[in-house]
Amino acid sequence: MSDAAMLNWVLFLPLLGAAGLLVLRGNGAAVRIATVAVMTVQFLLAAVLYVHFDATVEGLQFATSVPWIGEWGVSYAIGMDGLNVLLVLLTAFLGPLVVLGAWHSIERDVTLFHVMVLLLQFAMMGAFLAQDLFLFYVFWEAMLIPMFLIIGIWGGARRSYATVKFVLYTAFGSILMLAAVIYLVQALRNAGGVTSFAFTDLMQARLPLDVQSVLLAAFALSFAIKVPMVPLHTWLPDAHVEAPTPGSVILAGVLLKMGTYGFIKLGFPLFPDATRAFTPVLMTLSVVSIVYGACLALVQTDIKKIIAYSSISHLGYVMLGLLSLDLAGIQGAIVQMVSHGLVAAGLFLLVGMVYERCHTRELAAYGGLARQMPVYAVFFVIFTLASVGLPTTSGFTGEFMVLLGAFNAAWPQHLDGTSLPLVLAVTAVSGVILGALYMLRFALTFLFGPARAPHQPLTDLSLRERSILAILVVSIFALGLFPDGALRKTELAARAFQVRLTTSQAGTAQAGAMQAGTAVDAHAN
């Protein structure tokens, strides 16, 4: 099997698996086993592709491009590059763990639930692999349906409120992005007579700064909701609290990365001049997200909300790293995306495991778990330390590189008289301190505080639960201790992103010249 064919299997296996589950309908055990088998095969194929991915080759690898809707210039185009290679592996890696983690927590409509999980896996993988804007938009919207049903059917008491809020936020952003996509493709056709949704073609469009600014705003709103950035974050805590444990794991582990991936793959490269113009605003919002998310996590009494708000803070670092336009910062942002996917997934699984035993999310109802569940406590401490960025963990690698990149970019600007980037970088450091405060407070109360009735006695983790968490722990330390392999895979793509954003002045000049007459000058790649 060629690598390109293997990549198509990685994409379509969950869809085929979802169709196959209908045959097993009514047999819960068989449905669960079949879903884990499909996800495991998908992960193994993705792992092979990760190993085969050549770090010395710039651009797409394992690509497939087939005309889909010829009249509209739409193609089924997928491929891997340095921007998505780690995220594809992360998505495939978390898939079987999510299903194993939900082994006993989902008891009704088992077949439908696993069909939804597989369809969501298919849509998320498609969004990461798509190299055509129409195809990307289809996958982007397709993610909404299974996630809506997972929260709406298997969620908590306020699931209707949470799903409606989730859909309204994401749908609003998606409509604006769709309008921007149509305008962008129309502009490309008017300028060069080419109708194409291919990323490579759209990247060649030269748009005036004012047009870029409007289009970037439309894309950024959609992506910022998914990140989520303050002040567009309010849907996330409700969605996390009401979602079942596997829904929270998927949401934190993969779905939130769609926003940051959208920025690095599309939003910023398509509109480089507008990105540069709005960098101070976007960096400020990123740092506000870091500090505000950490402060809110510090005062929460719901254990799921603590992790949900911490996600807002951690993903603020991702945005800060991307906007630093420094190589270390950009690569740190990619590592931080993966690290957050691993750590947040582990924390939500841990919360789900204890919730299955105690049926409450109130922090005040817990205490002294370390005495009753020592193995659980060990895992909880490890994930807590990874979340606060303990050296040797993936969290440290990502945050350190982001902050290094932010300071690398800010210091020369400070010497030139622009101090805002340096102020923002210094402020971002406070997020590390606040992160340690809220996570250590969480762990101390949860594990070592006075024991509280009526949750006694509690059974410690089962072999299945230990195995899932152990796999995540190994991956966290592997990325923290040996980040070189991942960094090599992303280096060329990160450099290309950096060049695209930092050499856009020529594009601005050309765009200004064209503004009076031809709005767009497009060139096929």
Protein backbone atom coordinates (compact mmCIF):
# COMPACT_ATOMS: atom_id res chain seq x y z
CA MET A 1 0.00 0.00 0.00
CA SER A 2 1.39 3.42 -0.90
CA ASP A 3 1.67 6.13 1.72
CA ALA A 4 -0.99 8.21 -0.06
CA ALA A 5 -3.40 5.28 -0.01
CA MET A 6 -2.60 4.74 3.65
CA LEU A 7 -3.49 8.36 4.40
CA ASN A 8 -6.87 7.88 2.72
CA TRP A 9 -7.45 4.85 4.94
CA VAL A 10 -6.56 6.94 7.98
CA LEU A 11 -9.28 9.37 6.97
CA PHE A 12 -12.02 6.97 5.93
CA LEU A 13 -11.60 4.10 8.41
CA PRO A 14 -13.80 5.75 11.08
CA LEU A 15 -16.53 6.39 8.49
CA LEU A 16 -16.44 2.76 7.34
CA GLY A 17 -16.35 1.66 10.97
CA ALA A 18 -19.44 3.73 11.77
CA ALA A 19 -21.32 2.04 8.92
CA GLY A 20 -20.12 -1.37 10.12
CA LEU A 21 -21.42 -0.76 13.65
CA LEU A 22 -24.98 -0.77 12.34
CA VAL A 23 -24.56 -4.50 11.71
CA LEU A 24 -23.63 -5.03 15.37
CA ARG A 25 -26.51 -2.95 16.69
CA GLY A 26 -27.85 -4.29 19.99
CA ASN A 27 -24.60 -5.96 21.06
CA GLY A 28 -22.91 -3.37 23.26
CA ALA A 29 -19.73 -5.34 23.92
CA ALA A 30 -19.22 -6.10 20.23
CA VAL A 31 -19.83 -2.45 19.33
CA ARG A 32 -17.22 -1.27 21.84
CA ILE A 33 -14.64 -3.85 20.74
CA ALA A 34 -15.19 -3.08 17.06
CA THR A 35 -14.84 0.66 17.66
CA VAL A 36 -11.58 0.21 19.57
CA ALA A 37 -10.31 -2.08 16.79
CA VAL A 38 -11.10 0.49 14.10
CA MET A 39 -9.50 3.30 16.09
CA THR A 40 -6.42 1.20 16.84
CA VAL A 41 -5.87 0.34 13.19
CA GLN A 42 -6.28 4.01 12.32
CA PHE A 43 -3.67 4.93 14.92
CA LEU A 44 -1.21 2.31 13.68
CA LEU A 45 -1.54 3.60 10.11
CA ALA A 46 -1.09 7.18 11.31
CA ALA A 47 1.99 6.12 13.29
CA VAL A 48 3.51 4.51 10.19
CA LEU A 49 2.90 7.69 8.22
CA TYR A 50 4.46 9.76 11.01
CA VAL A 51 7.60 7.62 10.81
CA HIS A 52 7.63 7.85 6.98
CA PHE A 53 7.14 11.63 7.05
CA ASP A 54 10.35 13.12 5.67
CA ALA A 55 11.43 16.07 7.80
CA THR A 56 13.78 17.32 5.07
CA VAL A 57 11.02 17.80 2.51
CA GLU A 58 9.06 21.04 2.52
CA GLY A 59 5.38 21.07 1.66
CA LEU A 60 2.80 18.33 1.31
CA GLN A 61 3.55 14.63 1.51
CA PHE A 62 1.34 11.59 0.84
CA ALA A 63 -1.00 13.91 -1.09
CA THR A 64 -4.12 12.91 -3.00
CA SER A 65 -5.96 15.35 -5.25
CA VAL A 66 -9.00 14.35 -7.26
CA PRO A 67 -11.47 16.76 -8.94
CA TRP A 68 -14.73 16.70 -7.00
CA ILE A 69 -16.97 19.52 -8.27
CA GLY A 70 -15.12 20.61 -11.37
CA GLU A 71 -17.29 23.61 -12.25
CA TRP A 72 -16.65 25.15 -8.83
CA GLY A 73 -12.96 24.28 -8.80
CA VAL A 74 -13.43 22.00 -5.80
CA SER A 75 -11.16 19.01 -5.29
CA TYR A 76 -10.89 16.19 -2.85
CA ALA A 77 -7.37 17.15 -1.79
CA ILE A 78 -5.69 15.83 1.34
CA GLY A 79 -2.09 15.60 2.50
CA MET A 80 0.29 15.89 5.42
CA ASP A 81 2.75 18.66 6.16
CA GLY A 82 4.69 19.87 9.15
CA LEU A 83 1.68 21.78 10.48
CA ASN A 84 -0.71 18.85 10.71
CA VAL A 85 1.54 15.81 11.09
CA LEU A 86 1.55 15.93 14.91
CA LEU A 87 -2.16 16.77 15.12
CA VAL A 88 -3.12 13.87 12.87
CA LEU A 89 -1.10 11.55 15.10
CA LEU A 90 -2.65 13.08 18.25
CA THR A 91 -6.19 12.63 16.90
CA ALA A 92 -5.58 9.01 15.98
CA PHE A 93 -3.75 8.37 19.27
CA LEU A 94 -6.58 9.67 21.47
CA GLY A 95 -9.32 7.83 19.52
CA PRO A 96 -9.02 4.34 21.07
CA LEU A 97 -8.28 5.82 24.52
CA VAL A 98 -11.55 7.79 24.40
CA VAL A 99 -13.54 4.66 23.60
CA LEU A 100 -11.76 2.61 26.28
CA GLY A 101 -12.34 5.39 28.78
CA ALA A 102 -16.07 5.37 28.03
CA TRP A 103 -16.34 1.58 28.42
CA HIS A 104 -18.75 1.73 31.38
CA SER A 105 -19.85 5.37 31.40
CA ILE A 106 -22.16 5.06 28.37
CA GLU A 107 -24.96 2.57 29.05
CA ARG A 108 -27.82 3.63 26.77
CA ASP A 109 -27.87 3.90 22.97
CA VAL A 110 -24.39 2.38 22.91
CA THR A 111 -24.34 1.85 19.14
CA LEU A 112 -25.49 5.37 18.36
CA PHE A 113 -22.90 6.83 20.72
CA HIS A 114 -20.02 4.96 19.11
CA VAL A 115 -21.27 5.82 15.63
CA MET A 116 -21.19 9.50 16.67
CA VAL A 117 -17.66 9.14 18.07
CA LEU A 118 -16.44 7.57 14.82
CA LEU A 119 -18.15 10.21 12.69
CA LEU A 120 -16.59 12.93 14.83
CA GLN A 121 -13.19 11.27 14.42
CA PHE A 122 -13.71 11.21 10.65
CA ALA A 123 -14.67 14.90 10.53
CA MET A 124 -11.79 16.04 12.77
CA MET A 125 -9.25 14.04 10.78
CA GLY A 126 -10.67 15.45 7.55
CA ALA A 127 -10.36 19.03 8.76
CA PHE A 128 -6.68 18.48 9.62
CA LEU A 129 -5.90 16.74 6.32
CA ALA A 130 -7.93 18.92 3.91
CA GLN A 131 -5.96 20.99 1.41
CA ASP A 132 -8.99 22.48 -0.31
CA LEU A 133 -10.97 25.25 1.41
CA PHE A 134 -14.36 23.85 0.39
CA LEU A 135 -13.40 20.42 1.70
CA PHE A 136 -12.06 22.00 4.90
CA TYR A 137 -15.33 23.87 5.40
CA VAL A 138 -17.37 20.70 4.89
CA PHE A 139 -15.37 18.86 7.55
CA TRP A 140 -15.41 21.94 9.80
CA GLU A 141 -19.21 22.01 9.76
CA ALA A 142 -19.55 18.22 9.90
CA MET A 143 -17.86 18.18 13.31
CA LEU A 144 -20.78 20.14 14.73
CA ILE A 145 -23.41 17.41 14.25
CA PRO A 146 -21.88 14.48 16.20
CA MET A 147 -20.58 16.79 18.94
CA PHE A 148 -24.05 18.35 19.25
CA LEU A 149 -25.61 14.89 19.64
CA ILE A 150 -22.95 13.59 22.05
CA ILE A 151 -23.60 16.49 24.44
CA GLY A 152 -27.34 16.68 23.73
CA ILE A 153 -28.14 12.97 24.22
CA TRP A 154 -25.57 11.75 26.76
CA GLY A 155 -24.89 15.04 28.56
CA GLY A 156 -25.86 16.29 32.00
CA ALA A 157 -28.99 17.97 33.32
CA ARG A 158 -28.40 21.26 31.46
CA ARG A 159 -27.33 19.62 28.23
CA SER A 160 -29.96 21.39 26.12
CA TYR A 161 -28.70 24.81 27.21
CA ALA A 162 -25.08 23.78 26.62
CA THR A 163 -25.73 22.35 23.14
CA VAL A 164 -27.75 25.34 21.98
CA LYS A 165 -25.05 27.71 23.19
CA PHE A 166 -22.34 25.60 21.55
CA VAL A 167 -24.17 25.51 18.23
CA LEU A 168 -25.09 29.21 18.23
CA TYR A 169 -21.50 30.27 18.86
CA THR A 170 -19.92 27.96 16.30
CA ALA A 171 -22.63 28.48 13.68
CA PHE A 172 -22.31 32.25 13.91
CA GLY A 173 -18.57 32.05 13.34
CA SER A 174 -18.99 29.54 10.53
CA ILE A 175 -21.43 31.73 8.59
CA LEU A 176 -19.00 34.63 8.62
CA MET A 177 -16.18 32.32 7.50
CA LEU A 178 -18.35 30.99 4.66
CA ALA A 179 -19.01 34.54 3.43
CA ALA A 180 -15.26 35.23 3.53
CA VAL A 181 -14.51 32.00 1.65
CA ILE A 182 -16.96 32.91 -1.14
CA TYR A 183 -15.52 36.41 -1.46
CA LEU A 184 -11.96 35.09 -1.52
CA VAL A 185 -12.66 32.55 -4.27
CA GLN A 186 -14.63 35.11 -6.26
CA ALA A 187 -11.75 37.57 -6.03
CA LEU A 188 -9.34 34.91 -7.23
CA ARG A 189 -11.54 34.16 -10.23
CA ASN A 190 -12.04 37.82 -11.14
CA ALA A 191 -8.32 38.45 -11.13
CA GLY A 192 -6.99 35.40 -12.90
CA GLY A 193 -9.96 33.61 -14.39
CA VAL A 194 -9.22 30.66 -12.15
CA THR A 195 -11.87 29.16 -9.91
CA SER A 196 -10.15 27.20 -7.22
CA PHE A 197 -10.50 26.40 -3.54
CA ALA A 198 -7.01 24.89 -3.30
CA PHE A 199 -4.98 26.35 -0.44
CA THR A 200 -1.94 26.75 -2.69
CA ASP A 201 -3.91 28.82 -5.21
CA LEU A 202 -5.60 30.97 -2.59
CA MET A 203 -2.24 31.72 -0.93
CA GLN A 204 -1.18 33.49 -4.13
CA ALA A 205 -3.99 36.02 -3.99
CA ARG A 206 -2.78 39.58 -3.43
CA LEU A 207 -5.44 41.46 -1.54
CA PRO A 208 -5.39 45.05 -0.36
CA LEU A 209 -4.93 45.55 3.35
CA ASP A 210 -8.49 46.72 4.00
CA VAL A 211 -9.95 43.66 2.25
CA GLN A 212 -7.52 41.38 4.07
CA SER A 213 -8.57 42.93 7.35
CA VAL A 214 -12.26 42.24 6.79
CA LEU A 215 -11.64 38.67 5.62
CA LEU A 216 -9.21 37.96 8.47
CA ALA A 217 -11.82 39.23 10.93
CA ALA A 218 -14.37 36.78 9.51
CA PHE A 219 -11.97 33.82 9.63
CA ALA A 220 -10.55 34.87 13.02
CA LEU A 221 -13.97 35.08 14.62
CA SER A 222 -14.74 31.50 13.61
CA PHE A 223 -11.34 30.20 14.72
CA ALA A 224 -11.23 32.28 17.92
CA ILE A 225 -14.55 30.79 19.04
CA LYS A 226 -13.10 27.31 18.63
CA VAL A 227 -9.80 28.16 20.41
CA PRO A 228 -11.54 29.69 22.55
CA MET A 229 -10.20 33.21 23.07
CA VAL A 230 -11.59 35.70 25.54
CA PRO A 231 -14.26 37.14 25.15
CA LEU A 232 -15.62 34.32 22.92
CA HIS A 233 -14.97 31.59 25.46
CA THR A 234 -18.22 31.39 27.42
CA TRP A 235 -19.61 28.36 25.54
CA LEU A 236 -16.68 26.16 26.60
CA PRO A 237 -17.27 25.70 30.38
CA ASP A 238 -20.94 24.86 29.79
CA ALA A 239 -20.09 22.39 27.03
CA HIS A 240 -17.42 20.72 29.15
CA VAL A 241 -19.56 20.51 32.28
CA GLU A 242 -22.56 19.02 30.51
CA ALA A 243 -20.69 16.75 28.10
CA PRO A 244 -20.12 13.09 29.08
CA THR A 245 -16.51 12.22 29.88
CA PRO A 246 -15.60 11.01 26.36
CA GLY A 247 -17.14 14.19 24.93
CA SER A 248 -15.01 16.33 27.23
CA VAL A 249 -11.89 14.36 26.30
CA ILE A 250 -12.51 14.83 22.57
CA LEU A 251 -13.40 18.47 23.05
CA ALA A 252 -10.26 19.28 25.06
CA GLY A 253 -7.95 16.80 23.33
CA VAL A 254 -8.66 17.57 19.70
CA LEU A 255 -11.61 19.85 18.95
CA LEU A 256 -10.15 22.95 20.59
CA LYS A 257 -7.04 22.55 18.42
CA MET A 258 -9.18 23.22 15.35
CA GLY A 259 -9.17 26.91 16.15
CA THR A 260 -5.42 27.25 16.60
CA TYR A 261 -4.80 25.00 13.59
CA GLY A 262 -7.18 27.18 11.55
CA PHE A 263 -5.11 30.23 12.41
CA ILE A 264 -1.74 28.69 11.54
CA LYS A 265 -2.93 26.87 8.42
CA LEU A 266 -5.35 29.41 6.93
CA GLY A 267 -6.16 32.59 8.84
CA PHE A 268 -2.68 34.04 9.17
CA PRO A 269 -1.05 32.76 5.92
CA LEU A 270 -4.00 33.82 3.73
CA PHE A 271 -3.96 37.37 5.09
CA PRO A 272 -0.38 38.09 6.17
CA ASP A 273 -0.53 41.88 5.99
CA ALA A 274 -3.71 42.06 8.05
CA THR A 275 -2.20 39.63 10.53
CA ARG A 276 0.78 41.90 11.00
CA ALA A 277 -1.48 44.91 11.37
CA PHE A 278 -3.65 43.22 13.99
CA THR A 279 -0.89 41.36 15.82
CA PRO A 280 -0.89 43.76 18.83
CA VAL A 281 -4.64 43.28 19.27
CA LEU A 282 -4.49 39.51 18.85
CA MET A 283 -1.46 39.18 21.13
CA THR A 284 -3.22 41.24 23.79
CA LEU A 285 -6.30 39.01 23.59
CA SER A 286 -4.05 35.95 23.83
CA VAL A 287 -2.40 37.19 27.01
CA VAL A 288 -5.77 38.24 28.43
CA SER A 289 -6.93 34.66 27.77
CA ILE A 290 -3.87 33.29 29.59
CA VAL A 291 -4.39 35.41 32.71
CA TYR A 292 -8.20 35.58 32.72
CA GLY A 293 -8.58 31.83 32.14
CA ALA A 294 -6.13 31.10 34.96
CA CYS A 295 -7.87 33.53 37.36
CA LEU A 296 -11.26 31.96 36.65
CA ALA A 297 -9.83 28.46 37.13
CA LEU A 298 -8.52 29.59 40.52
CA VAL A 299 -12.00 30.38 41.89
CA GLN A 300 -14.02 27.50 40.46
CA THR A 301 -15.71 24.96 42.71
CA ASP A 302 -16.70 22.57 39.90
CA ILE A 303 -13.82 20.21 39.10
CA LYS A 304 -14.66 20.09 35.39
CA LYS A 305 -14.79 23.87 35.16
CA ILE A 306 -11.30 24.13 36.66
CA ILE A 307 -9.87 22.12 33.77
CA ALA A 308 -12.10 23.89 31.24
CA TYR A 309 -10.87 27.34 32.25
CA SER A 310 -7.29 26.08 32.41
CA SER A 311 -7.68 25.09 28.74
CA ILE A 312 -8.49 28.71 27.86
CA SER A 313 -5.27 29.74 29.57
CA HIS A 314 -3.11 27.05 27.96
CA LEU A 315 -4.41 27.72 24.47
CA GLY A 316 -3.66 31.41 24.99
CA TYR A 317 0.01 30.35 25.01
CA VAL A 318 -0.48 28.66 21.65
CA MET A 319 -1.80 31.88 20.14
CA LEU A 320 1.02 33.90 21.74
CA GLY A 321 3.61 31.56 20.23
CA LEU A 322 2.10 31.77 16.74
CA LEU A 323 1.87 35.56 16.88
CA SER A 324 5.46 35.94 18.09
CA LEU A 325 6.55 34.98 14.53
CA ASP A 326 9.69 33.57 16.10
CA LEU A 327 10.69 30.05 15.08
CA ALA A 328 10.95 28.83 18.67
CA GLY A 329 7.57 30.37 19.47
CA ILE A 330 5.85 28.86 16.43
CA GLN A 331 7.25 25.39 17.06
CA GLY A 332 6.48 25.77 20.76
CA ALA A 333 2.88 26.58 19.86
CA ILE A 334 2.58 23.36 17.85
CA VAL A 335 4.12 21.33 20.69
CA GLN A 336 1.83 23.07 23.18
CA MET A 337 -1.20 22.06 21.09
CA VAL A 338 -0.17 18.41 21.31
CA SER A 339 0.81 18.66 24.97
CA HIS A 340 -2.49 20.21 25.95
CA GLY A 341 -4.30 17.48 24.03
CA LEU A 342 -2.52 14.81 26.07
CA VAL A 343 -2.66 16.49 29.48
CA ALA A 344 -6.24 17.79 29.28
CA ALA A 345 -7.41 14.41 27.99
CA GLY A 346 -5.79 12.73 31.00
CA LEU A 347 -7.28 15.21 33.48
CA PHE A 348 -10.78 14.87 32.05
CA LEU A 349 -10.46 11.08 32.13
CA LEU A 350 -9.40 11.28 35.79
CA VAL A 351 -12.33 13.53 36.62
CA GLY A 352 -14.68 11.18 34.78
CA MET A 353 -13.32 8.16 36.68
CA VAL A 354 -13.92 9.72 40.07
CA TYR A 355 -17.31 11.09 38.96
CA GLU A 356 -18.40 7.53 38.08
CA ARG A 357 -17.67 6.60 41.71
CA CYS A 358 -19.01 9.68 43.55
CA HIS A 359 -21.50 11.27 41.11
CA THR A 360 -20.61 14.82 42.00
CA ARG A 361 -18.37 17.48 40.47
CA GLU A 362 -18.27 19.77 43.51
CA LEU A 363 -14.71 20.19 44.76
CA ALA A 364 -15.96 20.67 48.31
CA ALA A 365 -17.43 17.16 48.28
CA TYR A 366 -13.99 15.58 47.85
CA GLY A 367 -10.98 15.14 50.08
CA GLY A 368 -8.46 12.54 51.13
CA LEU A 369 -8.62 10.59 47.88
CA ALA A 370 -4.92 9.82 48.14
CA ARG A 371 -5.56 7.55 51.12
CA GLN A 372 -8.36 5.61 49.47
CA MET A 373 -7.13 5.67 45.88
CA PRO A 374 -3.31 5.87 45.97
CA VAL A 375 -2.81 4.84 42.33
CA TYR A 376 -5.37 7.40 41.24
CA ALA A 377 -3.53 10.01 43.30
CA VAL A 378 -0.19 9.21 41.64
CA PHE A 379 -1.66 9.67 38.17
CA PHE A 380 -3.46 12.84 39.24
CA VAL A 381 -0.24 14.37 40.57
CA ILE A 382 1.63 13.49 37.36
CA PHE A 383 -1.00 15.12 35.14
CA THR A 384 -1.17 18.12 37.48
CA LEU A 385 2.59 18.64 37.26
CA ALA A 386 2.49 18.24 33.49
CA SER A 387 -0.26 20.85 33.35
CA VAL A 388 1.82 23.36 35.32
CA GLY A 389 4.82 22.73 33.08
CA LEU A 390 7.17 20.62 35.22
CA PRO A 391 10.50 20.13 33.39
CA THR A 392 10.71 16.75 31.59
CA THR A 393 7.01 16.90 30.72
CA SER A 394 5.52 18.01 27.42
CA GLY A 395 3.89 21.00 29.12
CA PHE A 396 7.29 22.43 30.01
CA THR A 397 8.63 22.02 26.46
CA GLY A 398 5.66 23.79 24.88
CA GLU A 399 5.38 26.68 27.33
CA PHE A 400 9.13 27.26 27.54
CA MET A 401 9.48 27.49 23.76
CA VAL A 402 6.45 29.80 23.47
CA LEU A 403 7.79 32.16 26.13
CA LEU A 404 11.29 31.99 24.63
CA GLY A 405 9.87 32.91 21.24
CA ALA A 406 7.78 35.72 22.72
CA PHE A 407 10.84 37.25 24.43
CA ASN A 408 13.04 36.70 21.34
CA ALA A 409 10.56 38.70 19.29
CA ALA A 410 9.76 41.30 21.93
CA TRP A 411 13.26 42.39 22.99
CA PRO A 412 14.40 43.88 19.64
CA GLN A 413 11.08 45.71 19.40
CA HIS A 414 11.60 47.07 22.90
CA LEU A 415 15.03 48.38 21.91
CA ASP A 416 13.37 50.08 18.94
CA GLY A 417 10.92 51.82 21.26
CA THR A 418 7.91 49.44 21.05
CA SER A 419 7.44 47.96 24.50
CA LEU A 420 3.98 46.40 24.22
CA PRO A 421 5.24 42.94 23.07
CA LEU A 422 7.69 42.83 26.00
CA VAL A 423 4.95 43.84 28.46
CA LEU A 424 2.72 41.10 27.06
CA ALA A 425 5.50 38.49 27.25
CA VAL A 426 6.22 39.40 30.89
CA THR A 427 2.50 39.30 31.70
CA ALA A 428 2.21 35.88 30.07
CA VAL A 429 4.75 34.53 32.57
CA SER A 430 2.27 35.26 35.34
CA GLY A 431 0.02 32.63 33.77
CA VAL A 432 2.60 29.99 34.70
CA ILE A 433 2.45 31.10 38.34
CA LEU A 434 -1.35 31.25 38.37
CA GLY A 435 -1.46 27.83 36.70
CA ALA A 436 0.63 26.35 39.48
CA LEU A 437 -1.64 28.00 42.08
CA TYR A 438 -4.96 26.68 40.77
CA MET A 439 -3.73 23.20 39.90
CA LEU A 440 -1.88 22.68 43.19
CA ARG A 441 -4.90 24.01 45.11
CA PHE A 442 -7.04 21.56 43.15
CA ALA A 443 -4.71 18.63 43.88
CA LEU A 444 -4.25 19.47 47.57
CA THR A 445 -8.00 19.75 48.22
CA PHE A 446 -8.87 16.80 46.05
CA LEU A 447 -6.22 14.34 47.17
CA PHE A 448 -4.89 15.45 50.53
CA GLY A 449 -7.66 17.45 52.18
CA PRO A 450 -9.76 16.02 55.02
CA ALA A 451 -11.82 13.00 53.95
CA ARG A 452 -15.49 13.73 53.42
CA ALA A 453 -18.52 11.42 53.56
CA PRO A 454 -20.50 9.95 51.88
CA HIS A 455 -18.01 8.73 49.30
CA GLN A 456 -16.34 6.07 51.47
CA PRO A 457 -14.96 3.60 50.71
CA LEU A 458 -13.83 4.15 47.13
CA THR A 459 -12.21 1.55 44.91
CA ASP A 460 -8.96 2.44 43.24
CA LEU A 461 -8.38 2.41 39.49
CA SER A 462 -9.04 -0.76 37.54
CA LEU A 463 -6.47 -2.29 35.19
CA ARG A 464 -8.29 -0.76 32.20
CA GLU A 465 -8.19 2.72 33.75
CA ARG A 466 -4.54 2.38 34.78
CA SER A 467 -3.56 1.24 31.29
CA ILE A 468 -5.25 4.21 29.59
CA LEU A 469 -3.62 6.72 31.92
CA ALA A 470 -0.22 5.00 31.74
CA ILE A 471 -0.21 5.30 27.95
CA LEU A 472 -0.90 9.02 28.24
CA VAL A 473 1.80 9.47 30.89
CA VAL A 474 4.40 7.74 28.70
CA SER A 475 3.50 9.99 25.76
CA ILE A 476 3.72 13.13 27.95
CA PHE A 477 7.22 12.25 29.14
CA ALA A 478 8.29 11.08 25.68
CA LEU A 479 7.40 14.48 24.21
CA GLY A 480 8.92 16.28 27.18
CA LEU A 481 12.22 14.37 27.27
CA PHE A 482 12.72 13.78 23.55
CA PRO A 483 11.07 16.64 21.65
CA ASP A 484 13.71 16.66 18.89
CA GLY A 485 11.86 14.22 16.65
CA ALA A 486 8.64 16.23 16.77
CA LEU A 487 10.48 19.52 16.31
CA ARG A 488 12.31 18.23 13.23
CA LYS A 489 9.01 17.19 11.66
CA THR A 490 7.59 20.69 12.12
CA GLU A 491 10.66 22.86 11.48
CA LEU A 492 10.37 23.45 7.74
CA ALA A 493 6.65 24.19 7.92
CA ALA A 494 7.21 26.55 10.85
CA ARG A 495 9.95 28.36 8.91
CA ALA A 496 7.66 28.67 5.87
CA PHE A 497 4.91 30.09 8.10
CA GLN A 498 7.40 32.54 9.60
CA VAL A 499 8.66 33.65 6.17
CA ARG A 500 5.11 34.01 4.86
CA LEU A 501 4.19 36.33 7.74
CA THR A 502 7.44 38.32 7.97
CA THR A 503 8.05 39.00 4.29
CA SER A 504 4.57 40.20 3.48
CA GLN A 505 5.53 43.82 2.97
CA ALA A 506 6.03 43.17 -0.75
CA GLY A 507 2.55 41.77 -0.86
CA THR A 508 1.24 44.91 0.79
CA ALA A 509 2.95 47.12 -1.74
CA GLN A 510 1.60 45.13 -4.63
CA ALA A 511 -1.82 45.08 -3.10
CA GLY A 512 -1.76 48.84 -2.72
CA ALA A 513 -0.89 49.25 -6.37
CA MET A 514 -3.71 46.98 -7.36
CA GLN A 515 -6.28 48.55 -5.11
CA ALA A 516 -7.22 51.23 -7.63
CA GLY A 517 -7.72 48.82 -10.45
CA THR A 518 -7.49 45.11 -10.25
CA ALA A 519 -8.32 43.99 -6.78
CA VAL A 520 -6.62 40.69 -6.96
CA ASP A 521 -3.79 39.12 -8.86
CA ALA A 522 -3.84 35.40 -8.59
CA HIS A 523 -1.41 32.84 -9.76
CA ALA A 524 -1.85 29.16 -9.77
CA ASN A 525 0.91 27.40 -7.95
